[in-house]
Amino acid sequence: MPTSAQVSVGTTATLLVAASTFDQTVWLHNSGGGALYIGSSNVTTANGYKLDNDDKMELPVGDNEPLYGIVASGTNTVYVLKQIN
């Protein structure tokens, strides 16, 4: 069964999806602010994958791989839906 969350992401790396012992499919929606950058725990605005405001994406997240996000300034609300495969 899918689970959902709203995550407030600021200027420090924020956990979006916790590591799991199973592969996961994740849907992200960046809402309310500027660009969101996603990556590993060391994500920055310089090395992260950029999602502009109101962008949505689906991606697989492997087992034992957490997913983090960060923004350049302020805070964004990121809507997260995940399904364990």
Protein backbone atom coordinates (compact mmCIF):
# COMPACT_ATOMS: atom_id res chain seq x y z
CA MET A 1 0.00 0.00 0.00
CA PRO A 2 1.40 3.44 -0.88
CA THR A 3 2.23 5.92 1.85
CA SER A 4 2.25 9.69 1.51
CA ALA A 5 3.81 12.62 3.31
CA GLN A 6 4.32 16.36 3.05
CA VAL A 7 7.91 17.31 3.83
CA SER A 8 9.10 20.83 4.55
CA VAL A 9 12.51 21.23 2.92
CA GLY A 10 14.89 24.04 3.81
CA THR A 11 18.49 25.00 3.24
CA THR A 12 19.98 21.91 4.87
CA ALA A 13 19.67 18.40 3.46
CA THR A 14 16.27 17.04 4.50
CA LEU A 15 15.24 13.38 4.36
CA LEU A 16 12.48 12.83 1.79
CA VAL A 17 12.47 9.03 1.62
CA ALA A 18 14.01 6.79 4.26
CA ALA A 19 16.12 3.82 3.25
CA SER A 20 14.23 0.56 3.09
CA THR A 21 15.28 -3.06 2.76
CA PHE A 22 13.09 -3.14 -0.37
CA ASP A 23 13.16 -1.24 -3.65
CA GLN A 24 10.66 1.63 -3.73
CA THR A 25 8.91 3.69 -6.38
CA VAL A 26 8.63 7.33 -5.35
CA TRP A 27 6.55 10.17 -6.76
CA LEU A 28 7.62 13.72 -5.85
CA HIS A 29 5.80 17.03 -6.32
CA ASN A 30 7.78 20.20 -5.54
CA SER A 31 5.32 22.86 -4.48
CA GLY A 32 5.40 26.33 -3.02
CA GLY A 33 8.77 27.94 -3.54
CA GLY A 34 11.79 27.76 -5.75
CA ALA A 35 13.78 24.88 -7.14
CA LEU A 36 14.29 21.69 -5.16
CA TYR A 37 17.50 19.69 -5.51
CA ILE A 38 17.44 15.96 -4.74
CA GLY A 39 20.21 13.45 -4.10
CA SER A 40 22.03 11.60 -1.35
CA SER A 41 22.69 12.87 2.17
CA ASN A 42 25.39 15.23 0.86
CA VAL A 43 23.04 16.92 -1.64
CA THR A 44 23.63 20.60 -2.34
CA THR A 45 22.22 23.10 -4.79
CA ALA A 46 25.39 22.55 -6.83
CA ASN A 47 25.30 18.74 -7.08
CA GLY A 48 21.60 17.83 -6.75
CA TYR A 49 19.11 16.95 -9.46
CA LYS A 50 16.97 20.07 -9.98
CA LEU A 51 13.17 20.07 -9.82
CA ASP A 52 11.65 23.45 -10.57
CA ASN A 53 8.64 24.75 -8.65
CA ASP A 54 5.55 22.66 -9.42
CA ASP A 55 7.59 19.91 -11.13
CA LYS A 56 6.57 16.31 -10.56
CA MET A 57 8.61 13.17 -11.09
CA GLU A 58 8.55 9.42 -10.57
CA LEU A 59 11.73 7.54 -9.77
CA PRO A 60 12.88 4.19 -8.46
CA VAL A 61 14.79 4.24 -5.18
CA GLY A 62 16.92 1.17 -4.56
CA ASP A 63 17.06 -0.78 -1.35
CA ASN A 64 19.08 0.84 1.42
CA GLU A 65 19.14 4.17 -0.48
CA PRO A 66 17.62 7.21 1.23
CA LEU A 67 16.63 10.29 -0.78
CA TYR A 68 17.26 13.86 0.40
CA GLY A 69 16.26 17.32 -0.77
CA ILE A 70 17.50 20.88 -0.30
CA VAL A 71 16.51 24.36 -1.49
CA ALA A 72 18.63 27.50 -2.01
CA SER A 73 16.55 29.71 0.30
CA GLY A 74 13.35 29.61 2.31
CA THR A 75 11.35 26.39 2.48
CA ASN A 76 9.40 24.29 0.01
CA THR A 77 6.68 21.76 0.63
CA VAL A 78 7.45 18.50 -1.14
CA TYR A 79 4.66 15.97 -1.54
CA VAL A 80 5.99 12.42 -1.42
CA LEU A 81 4.14 9.24 -2.37
CA LYS A 82 6.02 5.96 -2.12
CA GLN A 83 5.26 2.36 -2.90
CA ILE A 84 7.43 -0.53 -1.76
CA ASN A 85 7.95 -2.86 -4.71
